[in-house]
Amino acid sequence: MAEKKRNEKKRLWTIVLYPESAPENWRDELKMRGLIFAVSPLHDKDVNADGEPKKPHYHLILAYDGPTTYKNVLSLCEDLNAPIPKPLDSPRAMYNYFTHRDNPEKAQYKIEDIEHHNGFILSNYVALTREETSKGRNNVLNLIREENIEEFCDLLDRLDDLGMLEEKEIVCNHCHFFNTVITSRRNKHKPKFVDTAKPYKVNSETGEVENLI
């Protein structure tokens, strides 16, 4: 049974990491290995069943390019002074566990404190829910409005700068919609052509001039 476990292969794994015992540069170490990974907020408010506080720790999702054996991931854990890894069948469930979203009886953590490294995007491993897609779309629309973005290429660059990778994925899947929004905002600020040879009127409140016909 132990040998079967050592040879088990999965693309996605999860580990727990304790900052008090992990190497100080553990993030850099994972990046240098080319691993795609996500890190939970620091769980520093968790308690055991008896009410005793748990040691502060992180939960990690590790994404390999292809199926990787338990033995290989265990070797990584040993380098990080981390407990044994676990194969991950439901990345969405683990991602939600990062914040205890589905466990209201546990300490709650902020989703914006989740770290994404080397291009980790949850939607690469699971389909986004309607709620997540809607929230991502609204985040992009707010960014367009707040930063007065008027070019589609500028939106993509800004999403890269801010590390909004899932939002960028949503934009790329709905290019026509977002390009239409940006084009509409850009055109809204252009002065309207008025043919003074035809009847026209001046809006007394805004000062705008427009043809009557």
Protein backbone atom coordinates (compact mmCIF):
# COMPACT_ATOMS: atom_id res chain seq x y z
CA MET A 1 0.00 0.00 0.00
CA ALA A 2 2.86 2.34 0.89
CA GLU A 3 4.57 1.61 -2.43
CA LYS A 4 1.33 2.34 -4.30
CA LYS A 5 1.11 5.71 -2.53
CA ARG A 6 4.71 6.57 -3.39
CA ASN A 7 4.00 5.94 -7.07
CA GLU A 8 0.66 7.74 -7.15
CA LYS A 9 0.63 10.40 -9.86
CA LYS A 10 -1.35 13.63 -9.91
CA ARG A 11 -0.92 16.97 -11.63
CA LEU A 12 -2.31 18.92 -8.64
CA TRP A 13 -1.13 18.56 -5.05
CA THR A 14 -1.70 20.45 -1.83
CA ILE A 15 0.68 20.95 1.07
CA VAL A 16 0.70 22.77 4.41
CA LEU A 17 3.65 25.01 5.15
CA TYR A 18 4.64 26.44 8.54
CA PRO A 19 6.54 29.74 8.25
CA GLU A 20 8.39 29.09 11.52
CA SER A 21 10.16 26.06 10.05
CA ALA A 22 10.14 26.76 6.30
CA PRO A 23 13.14 28.35 4.57
CA GLU A 24 12.85 32.12 4.50
CA ASN A 25 12.97 32.16 0.70
CA TRP A 26 10.48 29.32 0.14
CA ARG A 27 8.43 31.35 -2.37
CA ASP A 28 11.53 32.06 -4.45
CA GLU A 29 12.47 28.40 -4.25
CA LEU A 30 9.13 27.33 -5.69
CA LYS A 31 9.32 29.99 -8.40
CA MET A 32 12.83 28.92 -9.39
CA ARG A 33 11.59 25.34 -9.80
CA GLY A 34 9.04 26.63 -12.28
CA LEU A 35 6.09 25.50 -10.22
CA ILE A 36 2.71 27.12 -10.75
CA PHE A 37 1.23 27.62 -7.30
CA ALA A 38 -1.26 29.47 -5.14
CA VAL A 39 -0.81 30.35 -1.46
CA SER A 40 -3.56 30.87 1.07
CA PRO A 41 -3.66 33.84 3.44
CA LEU A 42 -1.66 33.08 6.58
CA HIS A 43 -3.95 30.96 8.76
CA ASP A 44 -3.09 32.51 12.11
CA LYS A 45 -6.53 32.39 13.74
CA ASP A 46 -7.31 28.67 13.46
CA VAL A 47 -8.00 26.65 16.60
CA ASN A 48 -8.10 22.94 17.42
CA ALA A 49 -11.24 21.15 18.60
CA ASP A 50 -10.23 21.83 22.22
CA GLY A 51 -9.94 25.57 21.53
CA GLU A 52 -6.15 25.62 21.50
CA PRO A 53 -4.70 27.83 18.75
CA LYS A 54 -3.04 26.07 15.82
CA LYS A 55 0.41 27.04 14.66
CA PRO A 56 0.24 29.69 11.92
CA HIS A 57 0.43 28.01 8.53
CA TYR A 58 -0.21 28.37 4.81
CA HIS A 59 -2.10 26.03 2.50
CA LEU A 60 -0.65 25.68 -1.00
CA ILE A 61 -1.94 24.35 -4.30
CA LEU A 62 0.90 23.09 -6.48
CA ALA A 63 0.25 22.65 -10.22
CA TYR A 64 2.73 20.61 -12.23
CA ASP A 65 2.97 20.53 -16.03
CA GLY A 66 2.00 16.87 -15.98
CA PRO A 67 1.25 14.01 -13.56
CA THR A 68 3.89 13.92 -10.82
CA THR A 69 4.51 11.17 -8.31
CA TYR A 70 3.96 11.41 -4.57
CA LYS A 71 7.65 10.61 -4.15
CA ASN A 72 8.69 13.70 -6.13
CA VAL A 73 6.34 16.03 -4.24
CA LEU A 74 7.44 14.50 -0.93
CA SER A 75 11.02 15.40 -1.82
CA LEU A 76 9.93 19.00 -2.30
CA CYS A 77 8.16 18.95 1.08
CA GLU A 78 11.34 17.73 2.73
CA ASP A 79 13.25 20.66 1.23
CA LEU A 80 10.59 23.03 2.65
CA ASN A 81 10.35 21.27 6.04
CA ALA A 82 6.66 20.74 5.28
CA PRO A 83 4.38 17.79 6.20
CA ILE A 84 3.57 15.13 3.62
CA PRO A 85 1.67 16.26 0.51
CA LYS A 86 -1.84 15.23 -0.49
CA PRO A 87 -3.13 14.66 -4.03
CA LEU A 88 -5.76 17.21 -4.99
CA ASP A 89 -8.95 16.11 -6.73
CA SER A 90 -10.94 19.31 -6.21
CA PRO A 91 -8.87 22.49 -6.63
CA ARG A 92 -12.02 24.60 -6.20
CA ALA A 93 -12.72 23.09 -2.79
CA MET A 94 -9.14 23.71 -1.66
CA TYR A 95 -9.17 27.23 -3.09
CA ASN A 96 -12.33 27.93 -1.08
CA TYR A 97 -10.66 26.40 1.97
CA PHE A 98 -7.92 29.01 1.64
CA THR A 99 -10.45 31.50 3.10
CA HIS A 100 -12.78 28.99 4.84
CA ARG A 101 -15.49 30.28 2.53
CA ASP A 102 -17.48 27.05 2.88
CA ASN A 103 -16.72 26.71 6.60
CA PRO A 104 -18.42 29.63 8.40
CA GLU A 105 -17.68 28.00 11.77
CA LYS A 106 -13.96 28.53 11.16
CA ALA A 107 -11.94 31.75 11.17
CA GLN A 108 -12.54 33.65 7.93
CA TYR A 109 -9.75 35.03 5.75
CA LYS A 110 -9.76 37.57 2.91
CA ILE A 111 -9.82 36.31 -0.67
CA GLU A 112 -7.68 39.27 -1.78
CA ASP A 113 -4.85 37.90 0.42
CA ILE A 114 -4.55 34.77 -1.71
CA GLU A 115 -1.27 34.77 -3.66
CA HIS A 116 -0.93 33.53 -7.25
CA HIS A 117 2.54 32.73 -8.56
CA ASN A 118 4.00 31.81 -11.96
CA GLY A 119 0.67 32.40 -13.68
CA PHE A 120 -1.65 30.35 -11.45
CA ILE A 121 -5.27 30.80 -12.63
CA LEU A 122 -7.97 28.73 -10.96
CA SER A 123 -10.03 28.63 -14.17
CA ASN A 124 -7.22 26.66 -15.85
CA TYR A 125 -8.17 23.74 -13.60
CA VAL A 126 -11.89 24.28 -13.00
CA ALA A 127 -14.65 26.18 -14.77
CA LEU A 128 -15.57 29.45 -13.07
CA THR A 129 -19.00 29.56 -11.50
CA ARG A 130 -21.57 32.08 -12.70
CA GLU A 131 -20.96 34.04 -9.48
CA GLU A 132 -17.19 34.13 -10.02
CA THR A 133 -17.58 35.16 -13.66
CA SER A 134 -20.02 37.92 -12.71
CA LYS A 135 -17.71 39.20 -9.97
CA GLY A 136 -14.71 39.16 -12.33
CA ARG A 137 -16.65 41.02 -15.01
CA ASN A 138 -17.68 43.69 -12.51
CA ASN A 139 -14.08 44.04 -11.32
CA VAL A 140 -12.98 44.75 -14.89
CA LEU A 141 -15.81 47.22 -15.53
CA ASN A 142 -14.90 49.07 -12.31
CA LEU A 143 -11.26 49.20 -13.40
CA ILE A 144 -12.21 50.59 -16.82
CA ARG A 145 -14.33 53.30 -15.19
CA GLU A 146 -11.95 54.21 -12.35
CA GLU A 147 -8.88 54.46 -14.59
CA ASN A 148 -10.76 55.82 -17.61
CA ILE A 149 -9.34 53.13 -19.89
CA GLU A 150 -10.15 53.86 -23.53
CA GLU A 151 -8.06 51.28 -25.40
CA PHE A 152 -8.48 47.50 -25.26
CA CYS A 153 -4.73 46.90 -25.31
CA ASP A 154 -4.33 49.22 -22.30
CA LEU A 155 -6.89 47.14 -20.42
CA LEU A 156 -4.94 43.93 -21.04
CA ASP A 157 -1.68 45.59 -19.97
CA ARG A 158 -3.29 46.96 -16.80
CA LEU A 159 -4.73 43.58 -15.86
CA ASP A 160 -1.22 42.11 -16.24
CA ASP A 161 0.27 44.90 -14.09
CA LEU A 162 -2.27 44.27 -11.33
CA GLY A 163 -1.95 40.49 -11.48
CA MET A 164 -5.67 40.15 -12.27
CA LEU A 165 -5.14 36.93 -14.22
CA GLU A 166 -8.60 35.45 -13.83
CA GLU A 167 -10.16 38.75 -14.85
CA LYS A 168 -7.89 38.80 -17.91
CA GLU A 169 -9.10 35.30 -18.79
CA ILE A 170 -12.71 36.55 -18.60
CA VAL A 171 -11.85 39.53 -20.81
CA CYS A 172 -10.17 37.30 -23.40
CA ASN A 173 -13.25 35.08 -23.48
CA HIS A 174 -15.55 38.10 -23.94
CA CYS A 175 -13.43 40.38 -26.13
CA HIS A 176 -16.37 41.81 -28.08
CA PHE A 177 -18.27 42.87 -24.97
CA PHE A 178 -15.35 44.64 -23.29
CA ASN A 179 -14.11 46.22 -26.52
CA THR A 180 -17.61 47.58 -27.11
CA VAL A 181 -17.67 49.08 -23.61
CA ILE A 182 -14.27 50.73 -24.10
CA THR A 183 -15.14 52.02 -27.57
CA SER A 184 -18.40 53.46 -26.26
CA ARG A 185 -16.57 55.28 -23.46
CA ARG A 186 -14.02 56.67 -25.91
CA ASN A 187 -16.66 57.87 -28.36
CA LYS A 188 -18.70 59.44 -25.60
CA HIS A 189 -15.99 62.06 -25.08
CA LYS A 190 -15.65 62.96 -28.76
CA PRO A 191 -17.31 66.25 -29.77
CA LYS A 192 -20.40 65.74 -31.89
CA PHE A 193 -20.35 67.15 -35.41
CA VAL A 194 -22.83 69.98 -35.89
CA ASP A 195 -23.76 71.23 -39.34
CA THR A 196 -24.41 74.93 -38.78
CA ALA A 197 -26.06 75.18 -42.20
CA LYS A 198 -28.95 73.21 -40.76
CA PRO A 199 -31.23 74.09 -37.80
CA TYR A 200 -29.55 73.44 -34.49
CA LYS A 201 -30.08 74.08 -30.80
CA VAL A 202 -27.90 74.73 -27.77
CA ASN A 203 -28.58 72.87 -24.52
CA SER A 204 -28.81 75.63 -21.90
CA GLU A 205 -27.61 73.33 -19.11
CA THR A 206 -24.68 71.57 -20.77
CA GLY A 207 -23.82 73.99 -23.59
CA GLU A 208 -23.83 71.13 -26.09
CA VAL A 209 -24.90 71.92 -29.64
CA GLU A 210 -26.83 69.47 -31.80
CA ASN A 211 -28.70 69.51 -35.07
CA LEU A 212 -32.48 69.39 -34.96
CA ILE A 213 -32.64 67.33 -38.15
